[in-house]
Every structure is written in structure tokens, then in C-alpha cells.
Protein backbone atom coordinates (compact mmCIF):
# COMPACT_ATOMS: atom_id res chain seq x y z
CA MET A 1 -74.24 71.82 -61.51
CA PRO A 2 -77.35 74.08 -61.81
CA ILE A 3 -77.73 76.62 -64.61
CA ALA A 4 -79.41 79.99 -64.10
CA GLN A 5 -80.65 82.93 -66.16
CA ILE A 6 -79.71 86.14 -64.35
CA GLU A 7 -82.65 88.52 -64.06
CA SER A 8 -81.14 91.52 -62.24
CA LEU A 9 -78.59 92.68 -59.68
CA ASP A 10 -79.36 93.14 -55.99
CA SER A 11 -78.17 95.95 -53.75
CA GLN A 12 -74.93 94.05 -53.05
CA GLY A 13 -74.03 93.65 -56.72
CA ARG A 14 -75.01 89.98 -56.90
CA GLY A 15 -76.88 88.42 -59.78
CA VAL A 16 -80.47 87.43 -58.97
CA ALA A 17 -81.95 84.25 -60.42
CA ARG A 18 -84.38 81.45 -59.62
CA SER A 19 -83.34 77.95 -58.63
CA PRO A 20 -85.03 74.89 -60.20
CA GLU A 21 -87.05 74.71 -56.96
CA GLY A 22 -88.22 78.31 -57.38
CA LYS A 23 -86.06 79.84 -54.62
CA THR A 24 -84.30 83.16 -55.15
CA VAL A 25 -80.57 82.66 -55.74
CA PHE A 26 -78.05 85.47 -55.21
CA ILE A 27 -74.99 84.70 -57.35
CA ASP A 28 -71.65 86.44 -56.83
CA GLY A 29 -69.98 87.40 -60.10
CA ALA A 30 -73.07 87.15 -62.32
CA LEU A 31 -74.54 89.98 -64.42
CA PRO A 32 -78.07 90.62 -65.73
CA GLY A 33 -78.87 88.78 -68.95
CA GLU A 34 -76.22 86.14 -68.45
CA THR A 35 -76.56 82.38 -68.38
CA VAL A 36 -74.25 80.81 -65.80
CA ASP A 37 -73.38 77.64 -63.96
CA TYR A 38 -73.24 78.25 -60.23
CA SER A 39 -72.28 76.54 -57.00
CA VAL A 40 -74.22 77.16 -53.80
CA TYR A 41 -72.27 78.04 -50.65
CA ARG A 42 -75.20 78.89 -48.37
CA LYS A 43 -78.74 77.51 -48.30
CA LYS A 44 -81.67 79.09 -46.50
CA PRO A 45 -85.35 78.14 -46.52
CA LYS A 46 -86.31 80.97 -48.88
CA PHE A 47 -83.09 81.76 -50.74
CA GLU A 48 -79.62 80.54 -51.63
CA GLN A 49 -76.27 82.27 -52.00
CA ALA A 50 -73.94 81.08 -54.71
CA GLN A 51 -70.83 81.75 -56.76
CA VAL A 52 -70.47 81.70 -60.54
CA SER A 53 -68.66 78.58 -61.70
CA ARG A 54 -68.83 79.24 -65.44
CA VAL A 55 -70.30 81.94 -67.66
CA ILE A 56 -72.16 80.21 -70.48
CA LYS A 57 -73.54 83.36 -72.11
CA ALA A 58 -71.82 86.62 -71.14
CA SER A 59 -73.40 90.04 -70.80
CA GLY A 60 -72.22 92.83 -73.08
CA GLN A 61 -71.48 94.75 -69.88
CA ARG A 62 -68.93 92.17 -68.71
CA VAL A 63 -65.29 93.30 -68.72
CA THR A 64 -62.04 91.70 -67.61
CA PRO A 65 -61.31 92.65 -63.98
CA ARG A 66 -58.24 94.84 -63.76
CA CYS A 67 -57.07 93.59 -60.37
CA ALA A 68 -55.36 90.21 -60.04
CA ALA A 69 -56.90 89.79 -56.58
CA PHE A 70 -60.48 90.28 -57.78
CA GLY A 71 -62.67 87.40 -56.72
CA ARG A 72 -60.56 86.70 -53.64
CA CYS A 73 -60.30 90.20 -52.18
CA GLY A 74 -63.50 91.52 -50.65
CA GLY A 75 -62.65 95.15 -51.36
CA CYS A 76 -64.39 95.15 -54.77
CA SER A 77 -67.39 93.18 -55.97
CA MET A 78 -68.13 94.68 -59.40
CA GLN A 79 -64.86 94.93 -61.33
CA HIS A 80 -66.29 92.46 -63.84
CA MET A 81 -68.86 95.08 -64.91
CA ASP A 82 -68.30 98.13 -67.09
CA ALA A 83 -67.90 101.23 -64.89
CA ASN A 84 -70.68 103.18 -66.65
CA ALA A 85 -73.01 100.22 -66.27
CA GLN A 86 -72.19 100.12 -62.54
CA ALA A 87 -73.50 103.66 -62.15
CA ALA A 88 -76.71 102.76 -63.99
CA VAL A 89 -77.22 99.74 -61.72
CA LYS A 90 -76.78 101.92 -58.63
CA GLN A 91 -79.34 104.39 -59.97
CA ARG A 92 -81.76 101.49 -60.25
CA VAL A 93 -80.96 100.35 -56.70
CA LEU A 94 -81.76 103.86 -55.45
CA GLU A 95 -85.01 104.07 -57.43
CA ASP A 96 -86.12 100.64 -56.25
CA ALA A 97 -85.40 101.48 -52.60
CA LEU A 98 -87.35 104.73 -52.79
CA GLN A 99 -90.31 103.10 -54.53
CA LYS A 100 -90.49 99.79 -52.69
CA LEU A 101 -89.39 100.83 -49.20
CA GLY A 102 -90.46 104.46 -49.07
CA LYS A 103 -93.39 104.41 -51.52
CA VAL A 104 -92.00 107.60 -53.06
CA THR A 105 -90.82 108.46 -56.57
CA PRO A 106 -88.52 111.39 -57.39
CA GLU A 107 -89.98 113.88 -59.84
CA ILE A 108 -86.55 114.09 -61.49
CA LEU A 109 -83.76 111.52 -61.60
CA TYR A 110 -80.49 113.45 -61.51
CA PRO A 111 -77.60 112.39 -63.75
CA ALA A 112 -75.18 110.12 -61.89
CA ILE A 113 -72.14 111.81 -60.41
CA VAL A 114 -69.15 109.87 -61.70
CA GLY A 115 -65.39 110.31 -61.63
CA PRO A 116 -62.17 108.27 -61.80
CA ALA A 117 -62.84 104.54 -61.64
CA TRP A 118 -59.33 103.65 -60.43
CA ARG A 119 -56.80 104.98 -57.88
CA TYR A 120 -59.58 106.92 -56.18
CA ARG A 121 -59.46 105.61 -52.62
CA PHE A 122 -57.80 108.22 -50.39
CA ARG A 123 -59.01 106.64 -47.15
CA ALA A 124 -58.88 102.98 -46.22
CA ARG A 125 -58.50 100.62 -43.31
CA ILE A 126 -55.82 98.14 -44.32
CA SER A 127 -55.69 94.91 -42.34
CA VAL A 128 -52.50 93.21 -41.18
CA ARG A 129 -52.01 89.65 -40.03
CA LEU A 130 -49.06 87.36 -39.33
CA VAL A 131 -49.76 84.14 -41.26
CA PRO A 132 -46.71 81.83 -41.10
CA SER A 133 -48.41 79.29 -43.37
CA LYS A 134 -48.49 81.91 -46.14
CA GLY A 135 -44.93 83.06 -45.70
CA GLY A 136 -45.24 85.71 -43.03
CA VAL A 137 -47.16 88.98 -42.82
CA LEU A 138 -50.11 89.77 -45.10
CA VAL A 139 -51.20 93.38 -45.69
CA GLY A 140 -54.43 94.23 -47.51
CA PHE A 141 -58.19 93.84 -47.41
CA HIS A 142 -60.23 90.93 -46.12
CA GLU A 143 -61.05 88.08 -48.44
CA ARG A 144 -64.60 87.90 -49.74
CA ARG A 145 -66.94 86.34 -47.16
CA SER A 146 -64.02 85.76 -44.79
CA SER A 147 -62.05 87.26 -41.92
CA PHE A 148 -58.81 86.15 -43.60
CA ILE A 149 -56.57 88.72 -45.28
CA ALA A 150 -56.30 88.46 -49.05
CA ASP A 151 -52.82 87.61 -50.31
CA MET A 152 -52.45 90.71 -52.49
CA THR A 153 -49.36 92.48 -53.74
CA ALA A 154 -51.11 95.41 -55.46
CA CYS A 155 -54.46 97.23 -55.42
CA GLU A 156 -56.01 99.06 -58.35
CA VAL A 157 -58.33 101.32 -56.33
CA LEU A 158 -55.63 102.60 -53.98
CA PRO A 159 -53.36 105.39 -55.25
CA GLN A 160 -50.31 104.03 -57.04
CA HIS A 161 -47.82 104.95 -54.32
CA ILE A 162 -49.91 103.08 -51.73
CA SER A 163 -50.32 100.05 -53.98
CA ASP A 164 -46.56 100.00 -54.48
CA MET A 165 -46.15 100.07 -50.71
CA LEU A 166 -48.09 96.89 -49.91
CA VAL A 167 -45.18 94.45 -50.25
CA PRO A 168 -42.66 96.77 -48.50
CA LEU A 169 -45.19 97.12 -45.65
CA ARG A 170 -45.16 93.33 -45.26
CA GLU A 171 -41.40 93.41 -44.94
CA LEU A 172 -41.50 96.37 -42.55
CA ILE A 173 -43.96 94.76 -40.15
CA ALA A 174 -42.30 91.34 -40.40
CA GLY A 175 -39.11 92.95 -39.12
CA LEU A 176 -40.70 94.40 -35.97
CA ALA A 177 -40.14 92.75 -32.58
CA ARG A 178 -43.86 91.82 -32.43
CA PRO A 179 -45.22 91.62 -35.99
CA ASP A 180 -48.44 90.17 -34.55
CA GLY A 181 -48.99 93.39 -32.59
CA ILE A 182 -50.08 95.49 -35.61
CA PRO A 183 -53.64 94.48 -36.62
CA GLN A 184 -54.40 97.36 -38.98
CA ILE A 185 -53.16 100.49 -40.69
CA GLU A 186 -55.39 103.51 -41.30
CA LEU A 187 -54.62 105.26 -44.58
CA SER A 188 -55.38 108.97 -44.91
CA ILE A 189 -54.32 111.03 -47.91
CA GLY A 190 -54.67 114.77 -48.25
CA ASP A 191 -53.79 117.12 -51.09
CA THR A 192 -50.08 116.97 -50.30
CA GLU A 193 -49.60 114.56 -47.38
CA THR A 194 -49.99 110.81 -46.91
CA VAL A 195 -50.43 109.33 -43.42
CA LEU A 196 -50.19 105.70 -42.35
CA ALA A 197 -51.47 105.30 -38.79
CA PHE A 198 -50.34 101.99 -37.29
CA ARG A 199 -52.57 100.47 -34.61
CA ASN A 200 -50.04 98.96 -32.20
CA LEU A 201 -51.48 96.59 -29.60
CA THR A 202 -48.08 96.14 -27.97
CA PRO A 203 -45.40 98.74 -27.20
CA LEU A 204 -42.80 99.26 -29.89
CA THR A 205 -39.10 98.96 -29.19
CA ASP A 206 -36.66 101.75 -29.99
CA ALA A 207 -35.48 99.67 -32.95
CA ASP A 208 -39.09 99.29 -34.15
CA GLU A 209 -39.65 103.03 -34.04
CA GLN A 210 -36.44 103.63 -35.97
CA ARG A 211 -37.59 101.18 -38.66
CA LEU A 212 -40.83 103.14 -38.95
CA ARG A 213 -38.94 106.43 -39.20
CA ASP A 214 -36.71 105.01 -41.92
CA PHE A 215 -39.80 103.77 -43.79
CA SER A 216 -41.38 107.22 -43.45
CA ASP A 217 -38.32 108.89 -44.95
CA ALA A 218 -37.95 106.35 -47.74
CA TRP A 219 -41.57 106.65 -48.89
CA GLN A 220 -42.03 110.34 -47.97
CA ILE A 221 -45.07 109.71 -45.80
CA GLN A 222 -46.08 110.51 -42.24
CA VAL A 223 -46.16 107.64 -39.74
CA TRP A 224 -48.57 107.86 -36.83
CA LEU A 225 -49.16 105.42 -33.99
CA GLN A 226 -52.34 104.51 -32.11
CA PRO A 227 -51.52 102.46 -29.00
CA GLY A 228 -55.04 102.68 -27.51
CA GLY A 229 -58.36 104.41 -28.25
CA LEU A 230 -58.90 107.05 -30.91
CA ASP A 231 -57.66 109.79 -28.61
CA THR A 232 -54.24 108.12 -28.26
CA ILE A 233 -53.21 108.65 -31.88
CA TYR A 234 -50.04 110.71 -32.38
CA ARG A 235 -47.49 111.51 -35.06
CA LEU A 236 -44.27 109.54 -34.76
CA HIS A 237 -42.36 110.92 -37.74
CA PRO A 238 -41.66 113.46 -39.01
CA VAL A 239 -42.64 115.44 -35.93
CA ASP A 240 -42.84 118.77 -37.80
CA ALA A 241 -44.81 117.51 -40.82
CA PRO A 242 -47.62 119.62 -42.30
CA VAL A 243 -51.19 118.90 -41.25
CA LEU A 244 -53.42 116.78 -43.44
CA SER A 245 -55.82 118.80 -45.56
CA TYR A 246 -58.05 118.55 -48.62
CA SER A 247 -59.43 121.35 -50.75
CA ALA A 248 -62.58 122.39 -52.57
CA PRO A 249 -61.12 124.73 -55.21
CA GLU A 250 -64.51 125.74 -56.63
CA PHE A 251 -65.33 127.34 -53.26
CA GLY A 252 -61.81 128.46 -52.35
CA LEU A 253 -61.77 126.20 -49.28
CA THR A 254 -59.18 124.12 -47.46
CA TYR A 255 -60.14 121.63 -44.75
CA ALA A 256 -57.63 120.47 -42.14
CA PHE A 257 -58.22 117.03 -40.64
CA ARG A 258 -56.61 114.36 -38.51
CA PRO A 259 -56.04 110.76 -39.65
CA ASN A 260 -58.89 109.46 -37.45
CA ASP A 261 -61.42 112.08 -38.63
CA PHE A 262 -64.16 111.04 -41.03
CA THR A 263 -63.59 112.36 -44.56
CA GLN A 264 -64.88 111.12 -47.90
CA VAL A 265 -62.73 108.44 -49.54
CA ASN A 266 -63.08 109.88 -53.05
CA VAL A 267 -61.85 113.47 -53.31
CA ALA A 268 -62.91 113.93 -56.96
CA ILE A 269 -66.47 112.78 -56.30
CA ASN A 270 -66.68 114.82 -53.10
CA ARG A 271 -65.89 118.00 -55.05
CA ILE A 272 -68.66 117.29 -57.57
CA LEU A 273 -71.03 116.34 -54.75
CA LEU A 274 -70.36 119.69 -53.06
CA ARG A 275 -71.22 121.46 -56.29
CA ARG A 276 -74.44 119.46 -56.75
CA ALA A 277 -75.47 120.04 -53.13
CA MET A 278 -74.95 123.80 -53.39
CA GLN A 279 -76.86 123.93 -56.68
CA LEU A 280 -79.82 122.17 -55.07
CA LEU A 281 -79.67 123.97 -51.73
CA ASP A 282 -78.99 127.38 -53.34
CA PRO A 283 -77.76 129.18 -50.19
CA GLN A 284 -78.45 132.91 -50.23
CA PRO A 285 -77.20 135.80 -48.07
CA GLY A 286 -79.60 136.37 -45.21
CA GLU A 287 -80.71 132.74 -45.01
CA ARG A 288 -80.11 130.59 -41.93
CA ILE A 289 -79.26 127.03 -42.96
CA GLY A 290 -78.75 123.97 -40.78
CA ASP A 291 -76.14 121.32 -41.57
CA MET A 292 -77.03 118.17 -39.65
CA PHE A 293 -74.23 115.61 -39.11
CA CYS A 294 -71.83 118.32 -40.26
CA GLY A 295 -68.59 116.49 -39.47
CA LEU A 296 -65.59 118.77 -39.94
CA GLY A 297 -67.61 121.18 -42.07
CA ASN A 298 -67.54 119.52 -45.50
CA PHE A 299 -70.88 121.07 -46.53
CA SER A 300 -71.04 123.81 -43.89
CA LEU A 301 -68.19 125.83 -45.32
CA PRO A 302 -69.53 126.05 -48.91
CA ILE A 303 -72.89 127.13 -47.47
CA ALA A 304 -71.18 129.93 -45.55
CA ARG A 305 -69.02 130.81 -48.54
CA ARG A 306 -72.23 131.44 -50.51
CA GLY A 307 -73.21 134.05 -47.92
CA ALA A 308 -75.71 132.21 -45.75
CA GLN A 309 -75.49 131.76 -41.99
CA VAL A 310 -74.79 128.09 -41.30
CA VAL A 311 -75.43 126.15 -38.09
CA GLY A 312 -73.57 122.84 -38.03
CA VAL A 313 -74.59 120.06 -35.63
CA GLU A 314 -72.52 116.93 -35.01
CA GLY A 315 -72.29 114.30 -32.28
CA SER A 316 -68.48 114.30 -32.07
CA GLN A 317 -66.85 117.04 -30.01
CA PRO A 318 -63.48 116.74 -31.84
CA LEU A 319 -65.18 117.07 -35.23
CA VAL A 320 -67.16 120.10 -34.07
CA GLN A 321 -63.93 121.70 -32.91
CA ARG A 322 -62.33 120.88 -36.25
CA ALA A 323 -65.30 122.39 -38.13
CA ALA A 324 -65.07 125.62 -36.14
CA ALA A 325 -61.31 125.80 -36.71
CA ASN A 326 -61.76 125.18 -40.45
CA ALA A 327 -64.40 127.91 -40.64
CA ALA A 328 -62.06 130.35 -38.91
CA ALA A 329 -59.09 129.38 -41.10
CA ASN A 330 -61.19 130.06 -44.21
CA GLY A 331 -62.46 133.42 -42.94
CA LEU A 332 -65.99 132.13 -42.30
CA ALA A 333 -66.22 132.24 -38.50
CA GLU A 334 -68.74 135.08 -38.50
CA ARG A 335 -71.13 133.18 -40.78
CA SER A 336 -70.94 129.83 -38.97
CA GLU A 337 -71.61 128.22 -35.63
CA PHE A 338 -71.24 124.62 -34.55
CA HIS A 339 -72.87 122.57 -31.79
CA VAL A 340 -72.44 119.12 -30.29
CA ALA A 341 -75.67 117.09 -30.15
CA ASN A 342 -76.75 113.48 -30.54
CA LEU A 343 -79.00 113.77 -33.58
CA PHE A 344 -80.09 110.15 -33.24
CA GLU A 345 -81.98 111.29 -30.14
CA ALA A 346 -83.35 114.51 -31.63
CA THR A 347 -86.84 115.55 -30.56
CA GLU A 348 -89.15 118.28 -31.79
CA ASP A 349 -88.17 120.38 -28.77
CA SER A 350 -84.41 119.85 -29.12
CA PHE A 351 -84.54 120.59 -32.83
CA ALA A 352 -86.65 123.71 -32.30
CA ALA A 353 -84.07 124.88 -29.74
CA LEU A 354 -81.56 125.24 -32.58
CA GLY A 355 -83.69 128.04 -34.02
CA ARG A 356 -85.62 128.38 -37.25
CA PHE A 357 -83.92 127.26 -40.47
CA ASP A 358 -84.79 128.43 -43.97
CA LYS A 359 -83.17 125.34 -45.43
CA LEU A 360 -81.52 122.17 -44.19
CA LEU A 361 -78.73 119.88 -45.34
CA ILE A 362 -78.61 116.37 -43.86
CA ASP A 363 -75.60 114.08 -44.31
CA PRO A 364 -76.01 111.19 -41.86
CA PRO A 365 -74.11 107.91 -41.51
CA ARG A 366 -75.68 104.65 -42.68
CA GLU A 367 -78.23 104.73 -39.84
CA GLY A 368 -79.92 107.67 -41.53
CA ALA A 369 -81.70 110.64 -39.95
CA LEU A 370 -84.93 109.14 -38.63
CA ALA A 371 -85.05 111.23 -35.44
CA VAL A 372 -84.33 114.45 -37.33
CA ALA A 373 -87.07 113.73 -39.87
CA LEU A 374 -89.56 113.01 -37.08
CA ALA A 375 -88.49 116.14 -35.18
CA LEU A 376 -89.45 118.55 -37.95
CA GLY A 377 -92.41 120.63 -36.84
CA ALA A 378 -94.81 123.10 -38.41
CA ASP A 379 -92.00 125.63 -38.90
CA ALA A 380 -89.79 123.14 -40.76
CA PRO A 381 -87.35 124.33 -43.47
CA ARG A 382 -88.90 124.78 -46.89
CA ARG A 383 -86.06 122.88 -48.59
CA ILE A 384 -83.96 119.89 -47.54
CA VAL A 385 -80.96 118.43 -49.34
CA TYR A 386 -80.29 114.92 -48.06
CA VAL A 387 -76.94 113.24 -48.79
CA SER A 388 -77.13 109.53 -48.09
CA CYS A 389 -74.81 106.51 -47.98
CA SER A 390 -77.68 104.02 -47.59
CA PRO A 391 -80.62 103.83 -50.03
CA SER A 392 -82.71 101.92 -47.49
CA THR A 393 -82.47 104.51 -44.71
CA LEU A 394 -82.90 107.34 -47.22
CA ALA A 395 -86.10 105.64 -48.41
CA ARG A 396 -87.33 105.23 -44.84
CA ASP A 397 -86.70 108.89 -44.05
CA ALA A 398 -88.12 110.02 -47.41
CA ALA A 399 -91.37 108.24 -46.55
CA ILE A 400 -91.66 110.31 -43.36
CA LEU A 401 -90.80 113.57 -45.10
CA VAL A 402 -93.24 112.99 -47.97
CA HIS A 403 -96.11 111.14 -46.32
CA THR A 404 -96.22 112.85 -42.91
CA LYS A 405 -94.25 116.12 -43.11
CA GLY A 406 -95.65 117.62 -46.31
CA TYR A 407 -92.57 117.51 -48.53
CA ARG A 408 -92.26 116.57 -52.20
CA LEU A 409 -89.32 114.51 -53.41
CA LYS A 410 -88.21 116.84 -56.18
CA GLY A 411 -85.25 114.79 -57.34
CA ALA A 412 -82.66 112.14 -56.47
CA GLY A 413 -79.55 110.60 -58.00
CA ILE A 414 -76.46 108.64 -57.13
CA ALA A 415 -72.83 109.62 -56.67
CA ASN A 416 -70.48 106.76 -57.50
CA MET A 417 -68.26 107.38 -54.49
CA PHE A 418 -66.97 103.78 -54.43
CA PRO A 419 -66.54 102.45 -58.00
CA HIS A 420 -66.41 98.64 -58.32
CA THR A 421 -68.29 98.17 -55.05
CA SER A 422 -72.01 97.89 -54.37
CA HIS A 423 -71.93 100.95 -52.10
CA VAL A 424 -74.53 103.53 -53.19
CA GLU A 425 -74.07 107.18 -52.23
CA SER A 426 -76.91 109.48 -53.24
CA ILE A 427 -78.34 112.96 -52.98
CA ALA A 428 -82.00 113.96 -52.83
CA LEU A 429 -83.94 117.22 -52.77
CA PHE A 430 -87.14 117.71 -50.75
CA GLU A 431 -89.35 120.80 -50.84
CA ARG A 432 -92.44 121.69 -48.85
CA ALA A 433 -95.58 121.24 -50.89
């Protein structure tokens, strides 16, 4: 069995080493500075992918994984590494992406935004599968490198009451008329309410629905059903339950949302990220600020609360409606407006049609904001705060902003939105030179 010296971690949290033949080897479960035995599970002409078989010399950053399913479950990939060290690794991933892909270097590296390392995940897609060979229904996340469902009875990143629910959910679904008709459950948790939205591929019987109502009452949660597309989702029980909502106490804001709306998974980190974004953006009364990919108003509302006029743009009509409703509910309707537009197809003309902005906040999905960056003209905002969930697309867009649009990358840093995973959330500040 080959032995390797681990040089670094890659963007997926894998150890990077060299094989005896000189090929790059990406090794799951290995940490920088370690000496390990490994077994290869995939060979390519220029690299190999492998799994640690034995740690010969352990890193000082290695810790005992807290979750019994770690190594099998694909939900976490870095539980074997100290949580503070994880944040440092993600900072390095961000720096490397900016330098190597974007050819840009931030003038300041912001301190990492960190929060609770466990029980933080308030949103999740939980998979369900009937597996007679494993005793019936499995409920949880996919196995690592597999479409199979991990046989897990608890989860350390889900809130305790959801972790405690995993085995009862198996029993609930196993008792339905068609247990193979529920492929997934969408978890959404607000400040006071918990929703489980069951995707039902087949109609439920009256007895099935009663079982779900009884489960709802027993666990004090809301049960929703989704028999078709996203627009088919509805509350089954209790019918008069409060709406889902999360708050940003620092800004005196409450956001209502539906279970199929996009919200951040980590409420604690989101609150700190809002603070950091407002510090960098510094909204002032009299300014007109654009919020691109505004969603249900996560950043728009704090901007308006600070006294600026905010213009939110989002591709989803339901989210735009939710943003406008949230602005009105928080007394900010007069300082906000929201528009539906496909920002992935933005042009200089379509962006100019939104009017002049003093500043801009951009919070795109993983695809980034390439079209928006290219659409900025001579009258572009003097300051841009860019919140990213992909270092590679942030680096690509940063290259355009710095090398062709006249901006300086004043600073950048990570927010550890997903502890124990390789996911890197970040925030960057650009200013016109």
C-alpha cells in the first residue's frame, strides 16, 4: 500500500500529495503535514483519488470526529479537523482562488466569520429511500461518493430535535401505504417554527395523512406536502400554524419565508454576515443602492433600515413578492423597490435601465455574477460588496472588476457558513480606483 506525505488541502477538503509516479493524489481524510497509507479508488492520467487507510503520523490539527456516521455520510468531509483550522484552510482556499484564477490580491484579509460548529443547519434536504436489505426505510444524507443513503440514526450538524427525529421518521414513512413514494424531505427552521415538507410522488391515503398529522402533533412541527412542482407545496397540518420567519435583531428585522424559499442554512453566521456587509457597504441616507440577486430581501432590508433607497433585483417572481412583503411588514416599503430580471442575461443597457447606483451589493448563486460585472459601464457604482458561495466564480468576476472595470479589491474574507464541509462562503469589497 503506498505511503504519502500530505502537502496541503484542496478546495474539497482532500489532502494533496504526490504518488511514487509523480501524479497528484487527492486523499479523502488526510490533513496537511501527515504521513498516511492510502488506497486509490479512481485513477486518471494526471491524478488519482484515494482514501486514507492508516494515519502513520497525525497532524496536530486532527481531532476525533463527533459523528458516528462520519466517513460514510457525505454531509461532512472535515470533522476530523479542528474547527478553527477549518476556517484557516478556507481562507487559504479563497486567497489561492483569487490569486491563481483571478490574478488579484485583496489589500486586506478580513478575519474569518465563525460561529457554532454544531447544530447549525437550519435548512437541509433529507433523502429517503426504501431499502429492504437494510431493514426498511433509511432517512438521512447520501453516502460519500454514492447515491445510496447513509444508514444514520443521528446527525451532529442538524438541530437536536431534528437529529432525534431521524429514527421516528423512518418508522413514520415505513408505515405509509407507499413508503417508496417519499423520496425526500425539505427541512426549514425559523425562529419559532419547524417545517418538514414531504415530497410525495404518489397520492397519500386518508390514513397516511392522519399519520402525518399525529407525527406533527407529537413533535410540534408543521408538516407540508409537495405532490408536484415547487408551486404545489401546501401546509397539511396544522392548518392555522404561524408562518416561518427568521430575524436580524441588530437591525430590528423579521423575514417571513416559505419552506421552498432560499434562505441561509446558518442563522448565526447570516446575522454576522449582515453586520459585516453593512459595515463594508456603509449605506447612508440619500444613497441609492442596488441589491443584485436579492432573494427575499436578506440584505435589502438592512440597507433600507440604514436609510438608503434600495433597489432589489431577483430572477424569481415569488421571491420578489416575498421581498416586497417583508419590506412592507418591516415599515420599509417607501425606501425599497423590487424587480424581476434574469441577471445572468444582464447587459449594459438592461443594467443602466435600473438607474444609477451609488453602491452595489451582489449575492449570486454558485454561478456567480459574470453578466452583471460585464454590464457595469462608465457610471458604475463606486463601491461593491460581493457575497459569494464559490471562490472560483468570485475570482473570475473579481478579475473583470479589477482588470477591466477599474476597481480595487480592498478586502476579502470567508464566512464559515457550513462548518465541517469544504463549502467556502466569502465576502469581498471592491472600490473604484
